[in-house]
């Protein structure tokens, strides 16, 4: 397998006055192209912190993260924002869909915002037909062909999570980061979401990094690592 991400001796501390809380204490990990990797560990061990750093939402205290041999820890804030928009998709536990937009519009919005930023315009073109076509195709991929015009309030928890997965894929990112994607839905719905993740992975060869407490999800991943006391367990 080709290596997509290399994490080398990653540390992260949080400070409160003179007090230091060490969360990540030397994480070393290779993540491979097209794999589904699950990261498990006890609550508070730093799984979400690691995911946020991988997603460039936070910076490490020290160490490096190489995406295809490019060290993103050296990037400026502007470079990080551009990299984040182009290379990373996010799936959050609580969906974070925009309630005033339909499922189709929520998925399309990620690319429309990207187009707007690229054109350095404050106005987003809401009539970009190719974007909506791609958004519809992704919603069909996740089994929501009949729910395109439904608002988040009209969707079940599992359906909202599948919209979030489609939204994460609209810009064809190198990697999708998912933080407890089945943590807020029932067992049956969780299995449906897992089926969608595997289907997308097989069809698009997308890399997924999933933080989870769900052992059933971990069992269906290509590989599972455990974060213990701030490090990846041997």
Protein backbone atom coordinates (compact mmCIF):
# COMPACT_ATOMS: atom_id res chain seq x y z
CA UNK A 1 0.00 0.00 0.00
CA UNK A 2 1.10 3.57 -0.68
CA UNK A 3 1.47 5.77 2.40
CA UNK A 4 -0.84 8.79 2.34
CA UNK A 5 -0.08 10.25 5.79
CA UNK A 6 2.93 9.87 8.07
CA UNK A 7 2.60 11.06 11.67
CA UNK A 8 6.00 11.39 13.35
CA UNK A 9 6.51 11.92 17.10
CA UNK A 10 3.41 14.09 17.43
CA UNK A 11 2.89 15.90 20.74
CA UNK A 12 0.05 18.13 21.88
CA UNK A 13 -0.24 19.96 25.19
CA UNK A 14 -2.84 22.37 26.48
CA UNK A 15 -1.92 25.12 28.92
CA UNK A 16 -3.79 26.85 31.73
CA UNK A 17 -1.45 29.41 33.23
CA UNK A 18 1.60 27.49 34.43
CA UNK A 19 -0.26 24.17 34.24
CA UNK A 20 0.42 21.86 31.29
CA UNK A 21 -1.87 19.03 30.22
CA UNK A 22 -0.07 16.61 27.91
CA UNK A 23 -2.62 14.88 25.67
CA UNK A 24 -0.58 13.44 22.80
CA UNK A 25 2.83 12.18 23.88
CA UNK A 26 4.64 11.03 20.77
CA UNK A 27 2.17 9.57 18.28
CA UNK A 28 3.75 7.66 15.38
CA UNK A 29 1.51 6.25 12.67
CA UNK A 30 1.43 5.60 8.92
CA UNK A 31 -1.96 5.82 7.19
CA UNK A 32 -2.35 4.21 3.79
CA UNK A 33 -4.12 5.29 0.64
CA UNK A 34 -7.67 3.90 0.28
CA UNK A 35 -7.81 2.23 3.69
CA UNK A 36 -10.47 2.53 6.37
CA UNK A 37 -8.57 3.11 9.61
CA UNK A 38 -10.33 3.18 12.96
CA UNK A 39 -8.79 4.82 16.00
CA UNK A 40 -10.05 3.55 19.34
CA UNK A 41 -9.28 4.41 22.95
CA UNK A 42 -10.82 5.42 26.25
CA UNK A 43 -12.66 8.72 26.63
CA UNK A 44 -10.31 11.65 27.10
CA UNK A 45 -7.28 9.87 25.73
CA UNK A 46 -6.85 12.34 22.83
CA UNK A 47 -8.59 10.69 19.87
CA UNK A 48 -10.53 13.78 18.85
CA UNK A 49 -7.47 15.97 19.45
CA UNK A 50 -5.48 13.79 17.05
CA UNK A 51 -8.29 13.97 14.48
CA UNK A 52 -8.50 17.75 14.76
CA UNK A 53 -4.75 18.05 14.19
CA UNK A 54 -4.93 15.71 11.20
CA UNK A 55 -7.73 17.88 9.85
CA UNK A 56 -5.66 21.06 10.34
CA UNK A 57 -8.25 22.43 12.79
CA UNK A 58 -5.52 22.59 15.44
CA UNK A 59 -1.73 22.58 15.45
CA UNK A 60 0.53 20.17 17.32
CA UNK A 61 2.93 21.32 20.00
CA UNK A 62 5.70 19.44 18.21
CA UNK A 63 6.19 16.68 15.66
CA UNK A 64 5.28 16.46 12.00
CA UNK A 65 2.42 15.32 9.76
CA UNK A 66 3.27 14.50 6.17
CA UNK A 67 0.54 14.27 3.55
CA UNK A 68 2.23 12.59 0.59
CA UNK A 69 5.64 13.77 1.89
CA UNK A 70 4.51 17.39 2.42
CA UNK A 71 4.77 18.55 6.04
CA UNK A 72 1.57 20.46 6.78
CA UNK A 73 2.81 21.53 10.22
CA UNK A 74 5.01 24.09 8.41
CA UNK A 75 2.06 25.66 6.56
CA UNK A 76 0.80 29.19 7.18
CA UNK A 77 -2.82 29.69 8.25
CA UNK A 78 -3.76 30.57 4.68
CA UNK A 79 -2.03 27.47 3.32
CA UNK A 80 -3.78 25.33 5.93
CA UNK A 81 -7.18 26.75 5.02
CA UNK A 82 -6.60 26.02 1.33
CA UNK A 83 -5.30 22.53 2.09
CA UNK A 84 -8.27 21.81 4.36
CA UNK A 85 -10.77 22.89 1.71
CA UNK A 86 -9.15 20.81 -1.01
CA UNK A 87 -7.78 17.71 0.68
CA UNK A 88 -9.94 16.91 3.71
CA UNK A 89 -13.57 16.00 4.27
CA UNK A 90 -15.17 15.97 7.71
CA UNK A 91 -18.00 13.90 9.18
CA UNK A 92 -19.04 14.96 12.69
CA UNK A 93 -21.05 13.06 15.29
CA UNK A 94 -23.86 15.62 15.28
CA UNK A 95 -23.99 16.14 11.50
CA UNK A 96 -23.75 19.96 11.59
CA UNK A 97 -26.04 20.33 8.60
CA UNK A 98 -27.45 23.75 7.77
CA UNK A 99 -31.15 23.57 8.78
CA UNK A 100 -32.37 26.11 6.24
CA UNK A 101 -31.05 24.12 3.26
CA UNK A 102 -32.21 20.86 1.71
CA UNK A 103 -30.11 17.70 1.67
CA UNK A 104 -29.03 18.49 -1.90
CA UNK A 105 -28.12 22.06 -1.02
CA UNK A 106 -26.20 20.99 2.09
CA UNK A 107 -24.04 18.64 0.03
CA UNK A 108 -23.52 21.16 -2.76
CA UNK A 109 -22.66 23.99 -0.38
CA UNK A 110 -19.16 22.70 0.37
CA UNK A 111 -18.15 23.02 -3.26
CA UNK A 112 -20.06 26.25 -3.86
CA UNK A 113 -18.15 27.88 -1.00
CA UNK A 114 -14.89 26.55 -2.44
CA UNK A 115 -15.75 28.02 -5.85
CA UNK A 116 -16.65 31.34 -4.23
CA UNK A 117 -13.33 31.48 -2.35
CA UNK A 118 -11.39 30.53 -5.46
CA UNK A 119 -13.05 33.34 -7.37
CA UNK A 120 -12.44 35.68 -4.41
CA UNK A 121 -16.10 36.57 -4.37
CA UNK A 122 -18.36 36.98 -1.38
CA UNK A 123 -21.35 35.86 -3.44
CA UNK A 124 -21.89 32.14 -3.84
CA UNK A 125 -23.36 31.04 -7.17
CA UNK A 126 -26.27 28.85 -6.12
CA UNK A 127 -26.98 27.82 -9.73
CA UNK A 128 -23.84 25.80 -10.46
CA UNK A 129 -25.44 22.89 -12.29
CA UNK A 130 -22.42 20.56 -12.33
CA UNK A 131 -22.06 20.91 -8.57
CA UNK A 132 -25.69 19.98 -8.01
CA UNK A 133 -25.35 17.04 -10.38
CA UNK A 134 -22.37 15.75 -8.40
CA UNK A 135 -24.21 16.35 -5.12
CA UNK A 136 -27.20 14.39 -6.39
CA UNK A 137 -24.96 11.52 -7.50
CA UNK A 138 -23.37 11.34 -4.05
CA UNK A 139 -26.75 11.35 -2.32
CA UNK A 140 -27.81 8.52 -4.61
CA UNK A 141 -24.63 6.67 -3.64
CA UNK A 142 -25.57 6.91 0.04
CA UNK A 143 -29.15 5.76 -0.61
CA UNK A 144 -30.94 9.10 -0.41
CA UNK A 145 -32.16 9.54 -3.98
CA UNK A 146 -35.70 10.11 -2.70
CA UNK A 147 -34.67 12.66 -0.05
CA UNK A 148 -32.91 15.32 -2.12
CA UNK A 149 -35.42 18.06 -1.35
CA UNK A 150 -35.92 17.21 2.32
CA UNK A 151 -34.63 19.51 5.05
CA UNK A 152 -32.56 18.14 7.97
CA UNK A 153 -35.58 18.37 10.28
CA UNK A 154 -37.41 16.01 7.91
CA UNK A 155 -34.66 13.37 7.96
CA UNK A 156 -33.87 10.66 10.48
CA UNK A 157 -30.57 10.66 12.38
CA UNK A 158 -29.11 8.06 10.05
CA UNK A 159 -30.24 9.96 6.98
CA UNK A 160 -28.69 13.16 8.28
CA UNK A 161 -25.43 11.31 8.88
CA UNK A 162 -25.48 9.98 5.32
CA UNK A 163 -26.01 13.54 4.03
CA UNK A 164 -22.96 14.53 6.08
CA UNK A 165 -20.93 11.74 4.46
CA UNK A 166 -21.97 12.89 0.98
CA UNK A 167 -21.10 16.48 1.90
CA UNK A 168 -17.64 15.37 3.06
CA UNK A 169 -17.01 13.81 -0.35
CA UNK A 170 -18.19 16.64 -2.63
CA UNK A 171 -14.71 18.13 -3.10
CA UNK A 172 -13.10 14.72 -3.71
CA UNK A 173 -10.75 14.99 -0.71
CA UNK A 174 -7.67 12.86 -0.18
CA UNK A 175 -9.02 11.72 3.18
CA UNK A 176 -12.28 11.79 5.12
CA UNK A 177 -12.05 12.26 8.89
CA UNK A 178 -15.02 10.99 10.90
CA UNK A 179 -15.46 11.70 14.61
CA UNK A 180 -17.79 9.12 16.20
CA UNK A 181 -19.98 8.88 13.06
CA UNK A 182 -22.26 6.28 14.67
CA UNK A 183 -22.19 7.72 18.19
CA UNK A 184 -25.59 9.41 18.04
CA UNK A 185 -27.71 6.83 16.21
CA UNK A 186 -29.23 3.44 17.01
CA UNK A 187 -27.67 0.06 16.25
CA UNK A 188 -29.64 -0.66 13.07
CA UNK A 189 -28.93 2.79 11.67
CA UNK A 190 -25.27 2.46 12.63
CA UNK A 191 -24.98 -0.64 10.46
CA UNK A 192 -26.54 1.23 7.54
CA UNK A 193 -24.02 4.07 7.93
CA UNK A 194 -21.15 1.57 8.07
CA UNK A 195 -22.42 -0.06 4.88
CA UNK A 196 -22.36 3.34 3.19
CA UNK A 197 -18.79 4.04 4.33
CA UNK A 198 -17.60 0.70 2.97
CA UNK A 199 -19.46 1.19 -0.30
CA UNK A 200 -17.92 4.63 -0.82
CA UNK A 201 -14.48 3.34 0.11
CA UNK A 202 -14.74 0.49 -2.41
CA UNK A 203 -16.13 2.64 -5.23
CA UNK A 204 -14.09 5.82 -4.82
CA UNK A 205 -11.01 4.34 -3.09
CA UNK A 206 -11.39 7.04 -0.46
CA UNK A 207 -9.26 6.98 2.68
CA UNK A 208 -11.31 7.12 5.89
CA UNK A 209 -9.92 7.79 9.38
CA UNK A 210 -12.60 7.09 11.95
CA UNK A 211 -12.47 7.86 15.66
CA UNK A 212 -14.92 5.57 17.40
CA UNK A 213 -15.97 3.78 20.56
CA UNK A 214 -17.99 1.34 18.42
CA UNK A 215 -16.21 -2.02 18.36
CA UNK A 216 -18.48 -3.23 15.54
CA UNK A 217 -17.35 -0.34 13.37
CA UNK A 218 -13.72 -1.07 14.24
CA UNK A 219 -14.18 -4.71 13.27
CA UNK A 220 -15.28 -3.65 9.79
CA UNK A 221 -12.36 -1.29 9.25
CA UNK A 222 -9.32 -2.44 7.32
CA UNK A 223 -7.18 -1.70 10.35
CA UNK A 224 -7.66 -0.56 13.94
CA UNK A 225 -5.15 1.18 16.20
CA UNK A 226 -5.60 2.09 19.85
CA UNK A 227 -4.55 5.31 21.48
CA UNK A 228 -3.31 4.67 25.02
CA UNK A 229 -1.76 7.28 27.31
CA UNK A 230 -1.12 9.64 24.41
CA UNK A 231 0.55 7.11 22.12
CA UNK A 232 -0.43 4.44 19.62
CA UNK A 233 -0.32 1.12 21.43
CA UNK A 234 2.10 -1.50 20.07
